[in-house]
PDB file of N, CA and C in Angstrom:
ATOM      1  N   UNK A   1      89.132 165.040 126.186  1.00  0.00           N
ATOM      2  CA  UNK A   1      89.749 164.974 127.497  1.00  0.00           C
ATOM      3  C   UNK A   1      91.191 164.471 127.385  1.00  0.00           C
ATOM      4  N   UNK A   2      91.458 163.676 126.336  1.00  0.00           N
ATOM      5  CA  UNK A   2      92.799 163.154 126.141  1.00  0.00           C
ATOM      6  C   UNK A   2      93.810 164.283 125.928  1.00  0.00           C
ATOM      7  N   UNK A   3      93.413 165.311 125.190  1.00  0.00           N
ATOM      8  CA  UNK A   3      94.309 166.443 124.937  1.00  0.00           C
ATOM      9  C   UNK A   3      94.633 167.171 126.232  1.00  0.00           C
ATOM     10  N   UNK A   4      93.652 167.300 127.118  1.00  0.00           N
ATOM     11  CA  UNK A   4      93.854 167.957 128.408  1.00  0.00           C
ATOM     12  C   UNK A   4      94.871 167.175 129.245  1.00  0.00           C
ATOM     13  N   UNK A   5      94.707 165.861 129.278  1.00  0.00           N
ATOM     14  CA  UNK A   5      95.611 165.022 130.055  1.00  0.00           C
ATOM     15  C   UNK A   5      97.021 165.007 129.470  1.00  0.00           C
ATOM     16  N   UNK A   6      97.127 165.072 128.145  1.00  0.00           N
ATOM     17  CA  UNK A   6      98.444 165.123 127.510  1.00  0.00           C
ATOM     18  C   UNK A   6      99.214 166.369 127.943  1.00  0.00           C
ATOM     19  N   UNK A   7      98.524 167.487 128.040  1.00  0.00           N
ATOM     20  CA  UNK A   7      99.172 168.722 128.485  1.00  0.00           C
ATOM     21  C   UNK A   7      99.627 168.576 129.928  1.00  0.00           C
ATOM     22  N   UNK A   8      98.808 167.957 130.761  1.00  0.00           N
ATOM     23  CA  UNK A   8      99.188 167.767 132.161  1.00  0.00           C
ATOM     24  C   UNK A   8     100.363 166.802 132.301  1.00  0.00           C
ATOM     25  N   UNK A   9     100.470 165.826 131.399  1.00  0.00           N
ATOM     26  CA  UNK A   9     101.612 164.911 131.420  1.00  0.00           C
ATOM     27  C   UNK A   9     102.906 165.642 131.081  1.00  0.00           C
ATOM     28  N   UNK A  10     102.801 166.649 130.225  1.00  0.00           N
ATOM     29  CA  UNK A  10     103.957 167.470 129.864  1.00  0.00           C
ATOM     30  C   UNK A  10     103.972 168.705 130.768  1.00  0.00           C
ATOM     31  N   UNK A  11     103.889 168.507 132.063  1.00  0.00           N
ATOM     32  CA  UNK A  11     103.641 169.556 133.051  1.00  0.00           C
ATOM     33  C   UNK A  11     104.499 170.808 132.840  1.00  0.00           C
ATOM     34  N   UNK A  12     105.788 170.655 132.723  1.00  0.00           N
ATOM     35  CA  UNK A  12     106.665 171.822 132.595  1.00  0.00           C
ATOM     36  C   UNK A  12     107.589 171.683 131.385  1.00  0.00           C
ATOM     37  N   UNK A  13     107.069 171.145 130.293  1.00  0.00           N
ATOM     38  CA  UNK A  13     107.857 170.989 129.065  1.00  0.00           C
ATOM     39  C   UNK A  13     107.640 172.237 128.204  1.00  0.00           C
ATOM     40  N   UNK A  14     108.697 173.037 128.106  1.00  0.00           N
ATOM     41  CA  UNK A  14     108.611 174.291 127.363  1.00  0.00           C
ATOM     42  C   UNK A  14     109.261 174.175 125.988  1.00  0.00           C
ATOM     43  N   UNK A  15     109.855 173.010 125.684  1.00  0.00           N
ATOM     44  CA  UNK A  15     110.476 172.806 124.379  1.00  0.00           C
ATOM     45  C   UNK A  15     109.523 172.027 123.491  1.00  0.00           C
ATOM     46  N   UNK A  16     109.720 172.175 122.207  1.00  0.00           N
ATOM     47  CA  UNK A  16     108.887 171.460 121.260  1.00  0.00           C
ATOM     48  C   UNK A  16     107.738 172.311 120.769  1.00  0.00           C
ATOM     49  N   UNK A  17     106.761 171.642 120.190  1.00  0.00           N
ATOM     50  CA  UNK A  17     105.652 172.336 119.552  1.00  0.00           C
ATOM     51  C   UNK A  17     104.332 171.713 119.978  1.00  0.00           C
ATOM     52  N   UNK A  18     103.271 172.512 119.960  1.00  0.00           N
ATOM     53  CA  UNK A  18     101.928 172.041 120.290  1.00  0.00           C
ATOM     54  C   UNK A  18     100.971 172.445 119.172  1.00  0.00           C
ATOM     55  N   UNK A  19     100.171 171.502 118.741  1.00  0.00           N
ATOM     56  CA  UNK A  19      99.176 171.777 117.705  1.00  0.00           C
ATOM     57  C   UNK A  19      98.102 172.717 118.219  1.00  0.00           C
ATOM     58  N   UNK A  20      97.375 173.317 117.287  1.00  0.00           N
ATOM     59  CA  UNK A  20      96.234 174.151 117.669  1.00  0.00           C
ATOM     60  C   UNK A  20      95.234 173.356 118.483  1.00  0.00           C
ATOM     61  N   UNK A  21      94.961 172.131 118.045  1.00  0.00           N
ATOM     62  CA  UNK A  21      93.970 171.308 118.725  1.00  0.00           C
ATOM     63  C   UNK A  21      94.376 171.044 120.178  1.00  0.00           C
ATOM     64  N   UNK A  22      95.633 170.730 120.409  1.00  0.00           N
ATOM     65  CA  UNK A  22      96.110 170.490 121.773  1.00  0.00           C
ATOM     66  C   UNK A  22      95.920 171.735 122.636  1.00  0.00           C
ATOM     67  N   UNK A  23      96.299 172.882 122.121  1.00  0.00           N
ATOM     68  CA  UNK A  23      96.202 174.135 122.875  1.00  0.00           C
ATOM     69  C   UNK A  23      94.745 174.497 123.173  1.00  0.00           C
ATOM     70  N   UNK A  24      93.900 174.482 122.158  1.00  0.00           N
ATOM     71  CA  UNK A  24      92.522 174.937 122.341  1.00  0.00           C
ATOM     72  C   UNK A  24      91.675 173.935 123.111  1.00  0.00           C
ATOM     73  N   UNK A  25      91.961 172.637 122.993  1.00  0.00           N
ATOM     74  CA  UNK A  25      91.229 171.660 123.807  1.00  0.00           C
ATOM     75  C   UNK A  25      91.612 171.806 125.278  1.00  0.00           C
ATOM     76  N   UNK A  26      92.889 172.066 125.549  1.00  0.00           N
ATOM     77  CA  UNK A  26      93.299 172.332 126.930  1.00  0.00           C
ATOM     78  C   UNK A  26      92.599 173.588 127.441  1.00  0.00           C
ATOM     79  N   UNK A  27      92.563 174.618 126.615  1.00  0.00           N
ATOM     80  CA  UNK A  27      91.901 175.864 126.987  1.00  0.00           C
ATOM     81  C   UNK A  27      90.424 175.622 127.304  1.00  0.00           C
ATOM     82  N   UNK A  28      89.740 174.849 126.451  1.00  0.00           N
ATOM     83  CA  UNK A  28      88.316 174.563 126.641  1.00  0.00           C
ATOM     84  C   UNK A  28      88.063 173.801 127.938  1.00  0.00           C
ATOM     85  N   UNK A  29      88.781 172.698 128.150  1.00  0.00           N
ATOM     86  CA  UNK A  29      88.577 171.915 129.363  1.00  0.00           C
ATOM     87  C   UNK A  29      88.977 172.702 130.610  1.00  0.00           C
ATOM     88  N   UNK A  30      90.038 173.479 130.503  1.00  0.00           N
ATOM     89  CA  UNK A  30      90.468 174.310 131.624  1.00  0.00           C
ATOM     90  C   UNK A  30      89.384 175.337 131.967  1.00  0.00           C
ATOM     91  N   UNK A  31      88.780 175.930 130.950  1.00  0.00           N
ATOM     92  CA  UNK A  31      87.708 176.902 131.164  1.00  0.00           C
ATOM     93  C   UNK A  31      86.495 176.247 131.824  1.00  0.00           C
ATOM     94  N   UNK A  32      86.098 175.076 131.329  1.00  0.00           N
ATOM     95  CA  UNK A  32      84.929 174.380 131.883  1.00  0.00           C
ATOM     96  C   UNK A  32      85.174 173.973 133.328  1.00  0.00           C
ATOM     97  N   UNK A  33      86.325 173.370 133.593  1.00  0.00           N
ATOM     98  CA  UNK A  33      86.639 172.942 134.963  1.00  0.00           C
ATOM     99  C   UNK A  33      86.735 174.146 135.883  1.00  0.00           C
ATOM    100  N   UNK A  34      87.364 175.219 135.425  1.00  0.00           N
ATOM    101  CA  UNK A  34      87.464 176.438 136.234  1.00  0.00           C
ATOM    102  C   UNK A  34      86.106 177.049 136.515  1.00  0.00           C
ATOM    103  N   UNK A  35      85.231 177.047 135.518  1.00  0.00           N
ATOM    104  CA  UNK A  35      83.886 177.587 135.697  1.00  0.00           C
ATOM    105  C   UNK A  35      83.109 176.777 136.737  1.00  0.00           C
ATOM    106  N   UNK A  36      83.164 175.455 136.624  1.00  0.00           N
ATOM    107  CA  UNK A  36      82.452 174.586 137.561  1.00  0.00           C
ATOM    108  C   UNK A  36      83.024 174.747 138.973  1.00  0.00           C
ATOM    109  N   UNK A  37      84.350 174.756 139.087  1.00  0.00           N
ATOM    110  CA  UNK A  37      84.956 174.926 140.411  1.00  0.00           C
ATOM    111  C   UNK A  37      84.658 176.302 140.991  1.00  0.00           C
ATOM    112  N   UNK A  38      84.626 177.317 140.138  1.00  0.00           N
ATOM    113  CA  UNK A  38      84.266 178.654 140.611  1.00  0.00           C
ATOM    114  C   UNK A  38      82.838 178.699 141.121  1.00  0.00           C
ATOM    115  N   UNK A  39      81.933 178.026 140.420  1.00  0.00           N
ATOM    116  CA  UNK A  39      80.534 177.961 140.848  1.00  0.00           C
ATOM    117  C   UNK A  39      80.410 177.211 142.174  1.00  0.00           C
ATOM    118  N   UNK A  40      81.082 176.061 142.269  1.00  0.00           N
ATOM    119  CA  UNK A  40      81.036 175.278 143.511  1.00  0.00           C
ATOM    120  C   UNK A  40      81.678 176.046 144.655  1.00  0.00           C
ATOM    121  N   UNK A  41      82.798 176.692 144.382  1.00  0.00           N
ATOM    122  CA  UNK A  41      83.470 177.472 145.424  1.00  0.00           C
ATOM    123  C   UNK A  41      82.587 178.610 145.909  1.00  0.00           C
ATOM    124  N   UNK A  42      81.841 179.216 144.999  1.00  0.00           N
ATOM    125  CA  UNK A  42      80.925 180.287 145.388  1.00  0.00           C
ATOM    126  C   UNK A  42      79.781 179.779 146.240  1.00  0.00           C
ATOM    127  N   UNK A  43      79.279 178.609 145.878  1.00  0.00           N
ATOM    128  CA  UNK A  43      78.176 178.020 146.646  1.00  0.00           C
ATOM    129  C   UNK A  43      78.634 177.620 148.050  1.00  0.00           C
ATOM    130  N   UNK A  44      79.852 177.090 148.145  1.00  0.00           N
ATOM    131  CA  UNK A  44      80.372 176.636 149.439  1.00  0.00           C
ATOM    132  C   UNK A  44      81.075 177.746 150.207  1.00  0.00           C
ATOM    133  N   UNK A  45      81.206 178.896 149.551  1.00  0.00           N
ATOM    134  CA  UNK A  45      81.952 180.026 150.125  1.00  0.00           C
ATOM    135  C   UNK A  45      83.360 179.602 150.514  1.00  0.00           C
ATOM    136  N   UNK A  46      83.956 178.830 149.633  1.00  0.00           N
ATOM    137  CA  UNK A  46      85.316 178.331 149.839  1.00  0.00           C
ATOM    138  C   UNK A  46      86.118 178.553 148.557  1.00  0.00           C
ATOM    139  N   UNK A  47      86.584 179.781 148.325  1.00  0.00           N
ATOM    140  CA  UNK A  47      87.269 180.074 147.062  1.00  0.00           C
ATOM    141  C   UNK A  47      88.594 179.346 146.897  1.00  0.00           C
ATOM    142  N   UNK A  48      89.094 178.724 147.970  1.00  0.00           N
ATOM    143  CA  UNK A  48      90.378 178.053 147.867  1.00  0.00           C
ATOM    144  C   UNK A  48      90.347 176.884 146.880  1.00  0.00           C
ATOM    145  N   UNK A  49      89.178 176.283 146.627  1.00  0.00           N
ATOM    146  CA  UNK A  49      89.084 175.188 145.657  1.00  0.00           C
ATOM    147  C   UNK A  49      89.470 175.681 144.256  1.00  0.00           C
ATOM    148  N   UNK A  50      88.884 176.799 143.868  1.00  0.00           N
ATOM    149  CA  UNK A  50      89.181 177.361 142.559  1.00  0.00           C
ATOM    150  C   UNK A  50      90.630 177.825 142.490  1.00  0.00           C
ATOM    151  N   UNK A  51      91.095 178.496 143.533  1.00  0.00           N
ATOM    152  CA  UNK A  51      92.466 179.018 143.540  1.00  0.00           C
ATOM    153  C   UNK A  51      93.494 177.890 143.518  1.00  0.00           C
ATOM    154  N   UNK A  52      93.217 176.801 144.191  1.00  0.00           N
ATOM    155  CA  UNK A  52      94.118 175.661 144.198  1.00  0.00           C
ATOM    156  C   UNK A  52      94.221 175.050 142.804  1.00  0.00           C
ATOM    157  N   UNK A  53      93.075 174.919 142.134  1.00  0.00           N
ATOM    158  CA  UNK A  53      93.073 174.396 140.764  1.00  0.00           C
ATOM    159  C   UNK A  53      93.829 175.351 139.826  1.00  0.00           C
ATOM    160  N   UNK A  54      93.548 176.632 139.933  1.00  0.00           N
ATOM    161  CA  UNK A  54      94.207 177.621 139.064  1.00  0.00           C
ATOM    162  C   UNK A  54      95.720 177.590 139.257  1.00  0.00           C
ATOM    163  N   UNK A  55      96.167 177.445 140.479  1.00  0.00           N
ATOM    164  CA  UNK A  55      97.596 177.369 140.751  1.00  0.00           C
ATOM    165  C   UNK A  55      98.193 176.083 140.185  1.00  0.00           C
ATOM    166  N   UNK A  56      97.447 174.985 140.259  1.00  0.00           N
ATOM    167  CA  UNK A  56      97.933 173.696 139.764  1.00  0.00           C
ATOM    168  C   UNK A  56      98.102 173.685 138.247  1.00  0.00           C
ATOM    169  N   UNK A  57      97.246 174.389 137.505  1.00  0.00           N
ATOM    170  CA  UNK A  57      97.331 174.368 136.037  1.00  0.00           C
ATOM    171  C   UNK A  57      98.034 175.602 135.466  1.00  0.00           C
ATOM    172  N   UNK A  58      98.588 176.441 136.319  1.00  0.00           N
ATOM    173  CA  UNK A  58      99.282 177.632 135.836  1.00  0.00           C
ATOM    174  C   UNK A  58     100.495 177.274 134.980  1.00  0.00           C
ATOM    175  N   UNK A  59     101.368 176.426 135.486  1.00  0.00           N
ATOM    176  CA  UNK A  59     102.580 176.066 134.737  1.00  0.00           C
ATOM    177  C   UNK A  59     102.250 175.269 133.476  1.00  0.00           C
ATOM    178  N   UNK A  60     101.356 174.253 133.529  1.00  0.00           N
ATOM    179  CA  UNK A  60     101.024 173.573 132.271  1.00  0.00           C
ATOM    180  C   UNK A  60     100.391 174.506 131.246  1.00  0.00           C
ATOM    181  N   UNK A  61      99.607 175.485 131.702  1.00  0.00           N
ATOM    182  CA  UNK A  61      98.996 176.437 130.782  1.00  0.00           C
ATOM    183  C   UNK A  61     100.022 177.309 130.092  1.00  0.00           C
ATOM    184  N   UNK A  62     101.007 177.756 130.844  1.00  0.00           N
ATOM    185  CA  UNK A  62     102.076 178.560 130.249  1.00  0.00           C
ATOM    186  C   UNK A  62     102.903 177.697 129.304  1.00  0.00           C
ATOM    187  N   UNK A  63     103.192 176.454 129.724  1.00  0.00           N
ATOM    188  CA  UNK A  63     104.015 175.562 128.904  1.00  0.00           C
ATOM    189  C   UNK A  63     103.347 175.261 127.568  1.00  0.00           C
ATOM    190  N   UNK A  64     102.049 174.954 127.570  1.00  0.00           N
ATOM    191  CA  UNK A  64     101.378 174.653 126.302  1.00  0.00           C
ATOM    192  C   UNK A  64     101.278 175.924 125.451  1.00  0.00           C
ATOM    193  N   UNK A  65     101.164 177.080 126.072  1.00  0.00           N
ATOM    194  CA  UNK A  65     101.167 178.334 125.322  1.00  0.00           C
ATOM    195  C   UNK A  65     102.504 178.588 124.642  1.00  0.00           C
ATOM    196  N   UNK A  66     103.586 178.321 125.355  1.00  0.00           N
ATOM    197  CA  UNK A  66     104.919 178.487 124.771  1.00  0.00           C
ATOM    198  C   UNK A  66     105.111 177.508 123.619  1.00  0.00           C
ATOM    199  N   UNK A  67     104.697 176.256 123.809  1.00  0.00           N
ATOM    200  CA  UNK A  67     104.820 175.274 122.727  1.00  0.00           C
ATOM    201  C   UNK A  67     103.957 175.657 121.532  1.00  0.00           C
ATOM    202  N   UNK A  68     102.806 176.285 121.790  1.00  0.00           N
ATOM    203  CA  UNK A  68     101.942 176.745 120.691  1.00  0.00           C
ATOM    204  C   UNK A  68     102.626 177.857 119.905  1.00  0.00           C
ATOM    205  N   UNK A  69     103.285 178.783 120.613  1.00  0.00           N
ATOM    206  CA  UNK A  69     104.029 179.845 119.929  1.00  0.00           C
ATOM    207  C   UNK A  69     105.158 179.233 119.101  1.00  0.00           C
ATOM    208  N   UNK A  70     105.805 178.197 119.642  1.00  0.00           N
ATOM    209  CA  UNK A  70     106.877 177.532 118.901  1.00  0.00           C
ATOM    210  C   UNK A  70     106.354 176.900 117.619  1.00  0.00           C
ATOM    211  N   UNK A  71     105.132 176.387 117.642  1.00  0.00           N
ATOM    212  CA  UNK A  71     104.573 175.762 116.447  1.00  0.00           C
ATOM    213  C   UNK A  71     104.392 176.777 115.318  1.00  0.00           C
ATOM    214  N   UNK A  72     104.157 178.017 115.674  1.00  0.00           N
ATOM    215  CA  UNK A  72     104.026 179.065 114.660  1.00  0.00           C
ATOM    216  C   UNK A  72     105.374 179.734 114.376  1.00  0.00           C
ATOM    217  N   UNK A  73     106.457 179.136 114.879  1.00  0.00           N
ATOM    218  CA  UNK A  73     107.835 179.616 114.688  1.00  0.00           C
ATOM    219  C   UNK A  73     108.064 180.986 115.323  1.00  0.00           C
ATOM    220  N   UNK A  74     107.485 181.162 116.521  1.00  0.00           N
ATOM    221  CA  UNK A  74     107.692 182.385 117.289  1.00  0.00           C
ATOM    222  C   UNK A  74     108.202 182.030 118.677  1.00  0.00           C
ATOM    223  N   UNK A  75     108.881 182.957 119.291  1.00  0.00           N
ATOM    224  CA  UNK A  75     109.389 182.756 120.643  1.00  0.00           C
ATOM    225  C   UNK A  75     108.230 182.701 121.644  1.00  0.00           C
ATOM    226  N   UNK A  76     108.429 181.964 122.717  1.00  0.00           N
ATOM    227  CA  UNK A  76     107.422 181.884 123.775  1.00  0.00           C
ATOM    228  C   UNK A  76     107.203 183.203 124.493  1.00  0.00           C
ATOM    229  N   UNK A  77     108.140 184.129 124.354  1.00  0.00           N
ATOM    230  CA  UNK A  77     107.985 185.438 124.995  1.00  0.00           C
ATOM    231  C   UNK A  77     106.797 186.219 124.440  1.00  0.00           C
ATOM    232  N   UNK A  78     106.279 185.816 123.282  1.00  0.00           N
ATOM    233  CA  UNK A  78     105.106 186.480 122.714  1.00  0.00           C
ATOM    234  C   UNK A  78     103.870 186.303 123.587  1.00  0.00           C
ATOM    235  N   UNK A  79     103.919 185.369 124.537  1.00  0.00           N
ATOM    236  CA  UNK A  79     102.785 185.206 125.460  1.00  0.00           C
ATOM    237  C   UNK A  79     102.559 186.459 126.302  1.00  0.00           C
ATOM    238  N   UNK A  80     103.569 187.289 126.418  1.00  0.00           N
ATOM    239  CA  UNK A  80     103.439 188.520 127.211  1.00  0.00           C
ATOM    240  C   UNK A  80     102.598 189.587 126.510  1.00  0.00           C
ATOM    241  N   UNK A  81     102.301 189.381 125.226  1.00  0.00           N
ATOM    242  CA  UNK A  81     101.514 190.339 124.454  1.00  0.00           C
ATOM    243  C   UNK A  81     100.188 189.684 124.068  1.00  0.00           C
ATOM    244  N   UNK A  82      99.134 189.905 124.864  1.00  0.00           N
ATOM    245  CA  UNK A  82      97.887 189.136 124.726  1.00  0.00           C
ATOM    246  C   UNK A  82      97.256 189.128 123.345  1.00  0.00           C
ATOM    247  N   UNK A  83      97.144 190.252 122.685  1.00  0.00           N
ATOM    248  CA  UNK A  83      96.456 190.287 121.398  1.00  0.00           C
ATOM    249  C   UNK A  83      97.279 189.618 120.305  1.00  0.00           C
ATOM    250  N   UNK A  84      98.572 189.817 120.348  1.00  0.00           N
ATOM    251  CA  UNK A  84      99.452 189.213 119.348  1.00  0.00           C
ATOM    252  C   UNK A  84      99.485 187.700 119.522  1.00  0.00           C
ATOM    253  N   UNK A  85      99.604 187.224 120.773  1.00  0.00           N
ATOM    254  CA  UNK A  85      99.682 185.779 120.963  1.00  0.00           C
ATOM    255  C   UNK A  85      98.361 185.099 120.634  1.00  0.00           C
ATOM    256  N   UNK A  86      97.250 185.809 120.764  1.00  0.00           N
ATOM    257  CA  UNK A  86      95.963 185.241 120.364  1.00  0.00           C
ATOM    258  C   UNK A  86      95.933 184.997 118.858  1.00  0.00           C
ATOM    259  N   UNK A  87      96.476 185.938 118.097  1.00  0.00           N
ATOM    260  CA  UNK A  87      96.558 185.770 116.642  1.00  0.00           C
ATOM    261  C   UNK A  87      97.460 184.587 116.310  1.00  0.00           C
ATOM    262  N   UNK A  88      98.625 184.512 116.971  1.00  0.00           N
ATOM    263  CA  UNK A  88      99.550 183.409 116.720  1.00  0.00           C
ATOM    264  C   UNK A  88      98.936 182.067 117.124  1.00  0.00           C
ATOM    265  N   UNK A  89      98.177 182.044 118.223  1.00  0.00           N
ATOM    266  CA  UNK A  89      97.564 180.796 118.694  1.00  0.00           C
ATOM    267  C   UNK A  89      96.503 180.293 117.724  1.00  0.00           C
ATOM    268  N   UNK A  90      95.902 181.193 116.976  1.00  0.00           N
ATOM    269  CA  UNK A  90      94.874 180.798 116.007  1.00  0.00           C
ATOM    270  C   UNK A  90      95.460 180.413 114.654  1.00  0.00           C
ATOM    271  N   UNK A  91      96.691 180.803 114.394  1.00  0.00           N
ATOM    272  CA  UNK A  91      97.334 180.501 113.104  1.00  0.00           C
ATOM    273  C   UNK A  91      97.702 179.028 113.023  1.00  0.00           C
ATOM    274  N   UNK A  92      97.746 178.522 111.807  1.00  0.00           N
ATOM    275  CA  UNK A  92      98.230 177.168 111.594  1.00  0.00           C
ATOM    276  C   UNK A  92      99.739 177.152 111.827  1.00  0.00           C
ATOM    277  N   UNK A  93     100.240 176.039 112.342  1.00  0.00           N
ATOM    278  CA  UNK A  93     101.672 175.910 112.577  1.00  0.00           C
ATOM    279  C   UNK A  93     102.444 175.842 111.280  1.00  0.00           C
ATOM    280  N   UNK A  94     103.743 176.075 111.370  1.00  0.00           N
ATOM    281  CA  UNK A  94     104.562 175.984 110.170  1.00  0.00           C
ATOM    282  C   UNK A  94     104.632 174.529 109.729  1.00  0.00           C
ATOM    283  N   UNK A  95     104.419 174.273 108.441  1.00  0.00           N
ATOM    284  CA  UNK A  95     104.476 172.889 107.968  1.00  0.00           C
ATOM    285  C   UNK A  95     105.909 172.374 108.008  1.00  0.00           C
ATOM    286  N   UNK A  96     106.068 171.148 108.402  1.00  0.00           N
ATOM    287  CA  UNK A  96     107.401 170.558 108.479  1.00  0.00           C
ATOM    288  C   UNK A  96     108.156 171.060 109.694  1.00  0.00           C
ATOM    289  N   UNK A  97     109.404 170.670 109.801  1.00  0.00           N
ATOM    290  CA  UNK A  97     110.185 171.088 110.974  1.00  0.00           C
ATOM    291  C   UNK A  97     110.519 172.575 110.934  1.00  0.00           C
ATOM    292  N   UNK A  98     110.650 173.169 112.103  1.00  0.00           N
ATOM    293  CA  UNK A  98     111.148 174.541 112.216  1.00  0.00           C
ATOM    294  C   UNK A  98     112.238 174.545 113.291  1.00  0.00           C
ATOM    295  N   UNK A  99     112.684 175.708 113.736  1.00  0.00           N
ATOM    296  CA  UNK A  99     113.799 175.780 114.681  1.00  0.00           C
ATOM    297  C   UNK A  99     113.458 175.205 116.056  1.00  0.00           C
ATOM    298  N   UNK A 100     112.183 174.931 116.314  1.00  0.00           N
ATOM    299  CA  UNK A 100     111.769 174.397 117.601  1.00  0.00           C
ATOM    300  C   UNK A 100     111.499 172.899 117.567  1.00  0.00           C
ATOM    301  N   UNK A 101     111.629 172.284 116.418  1.00  0.00           N
ATOM    302  CA  UNK A 101     111.457 170.832 116.335  1.00  0.00           C
ATOM    303  C   UNK A 101     110.570 170.415 115.179  1.00  0.00           C
ATOM    304  N   UNK A 102     110.307 169.105 115.116  1.00  0.00           N
ATOM    305  CA  UNK A 102     109.464 168.594 114.032  1.00  0.00           C
ATOM    306  C   UNK A 102     108.006 168.977 114.231  1.00  0.00           C
ATOM    307  N   UNK A 103     107.261 168.933 113.149  1.00  0.00           N
ATOM    308  CA  UNK A 103     105.847 169.277 113.204  1.00  0.00           C
ATOM    309  C   UNK A 103     105.076 168.235 114.015  1.00  0.00           C
ATOM    310  N   UNK A 104     104.243 168.674 114.974  1.00  0.00           N
ATOM    311  CA  UNK A 104     103.452 167.704 115.739  1.00  0.00           C
ATOM    312  C   UNK A 104     102.375 167.034 114.897  1.00  0.00           C
ATOM    313  N   UNK A 105     102.025 167.617 113.765  1.00  0.00           N
ATOM    314  CA  UNK A 105     101.033 166.996 112.888  1.00  0.00           C
ATOM    315  C   UNK A 105     101.586 165.753 112.210  1.00  0.00           C
ATOM    316  N   UNK A 106     102.899 165.712 112.032  1.00  0.00           N
ATOM    317  CA  UNK A 106     103.511 164.587 111.344  1.00  0.00           C
ATOM    318  C   UNK A 106     103.825 163.429 112.281  1.00  0.00           C
ATOM    319  N   UNK A 107     103.783 163.674 113.603  1.00  0.00           N
ATOM    320  CA  UNK A 107     104.050 162.618 114.573  1.00  0.00           C
ATOM    321  C   UNK A 107     102.851 161.689 114.636  1.00  0.00           C
ATOM    322  N   UNK A 108     103.087 160.391 114.801  1.00  0.00           N
ATOM    323  CA  UNK A 108     101.950 159.468 114.892  1.00  0.00           C
ATOM    324  C   UNK A 108     101.135 159.723 116.162  1.00  0.00           C
ATOM    325  N   UNK A 109      99.828 159.733 115.993  1.00  0.00           N
ATOM    326  CA  UNK A 109      98.927 159.961 117.112  1.00  0.00           C
ATOM    327  C   UNK A 109      98.544 158.610 117.688  1.00  0.00           C
ATOM    328  N   UNK A 110      98.705 158.462 119.004  1.00  0.00           N
ATOM    329  CA  UNK A 110      98.367 157.212 119.665  1.00  0.00           C
ATOM    330  C   UNK A 110      96.876 157.222 119.959  1.00  0.00           C
ATOM    331  N   UNK A 111      96.189 156.168 119.554  1.00  0.00           N
ATOM    332  CA  UNK A 111      94.738 156.076 119.779  1.00  0.00           C
ATOM    333  C   UNK A 111      94.459 155.886 121.270  1.00  0.00           C
ATOM    334  N   UNK A 112      93.427 156.543 121.793  1.00  0.00           N
ATOM    335  CA  UNK A 112      93.111 156.366 123.218  1.00  0.00           C
ATOM    336  C   UNK A 112      92.682 154.928 123.511  1.00  0.00           C
ATOM    337  N   UNK A 113      93.078 154.460 124.678  1.00  0.00           N
ATOM    338  CA  UNK A 113      92.767 153.075 125.059  1.00  0.00           C
ATOM    339  C   UNK A 113      91.347 152.924 125.536  1.00  0.00           C
TER     340      UNK A 113
END
């Protein structure tokens, strides 16, 4: 859950790099929350709950995707090509610094409180 919250804290940060773990944990929690909200919205016949959540996480989702592309030393515009960006999102990031900044693996990880 910490990875999900970290992405939300960086709401519209499109610079820098994001590790695979950060991207895929956000994807997982986003999928679970969306699934639960979709189920609840269907039961209550109130789809606005799901749509409101989807709209709220749209920008952070794009931002973490762009940072993930940067980690593989590719432009964020690759998000427009679904199959290619899926391959890039699964690849390991470039070791050490690249043109988008230092490696997020080398940054100290703060332990959750």
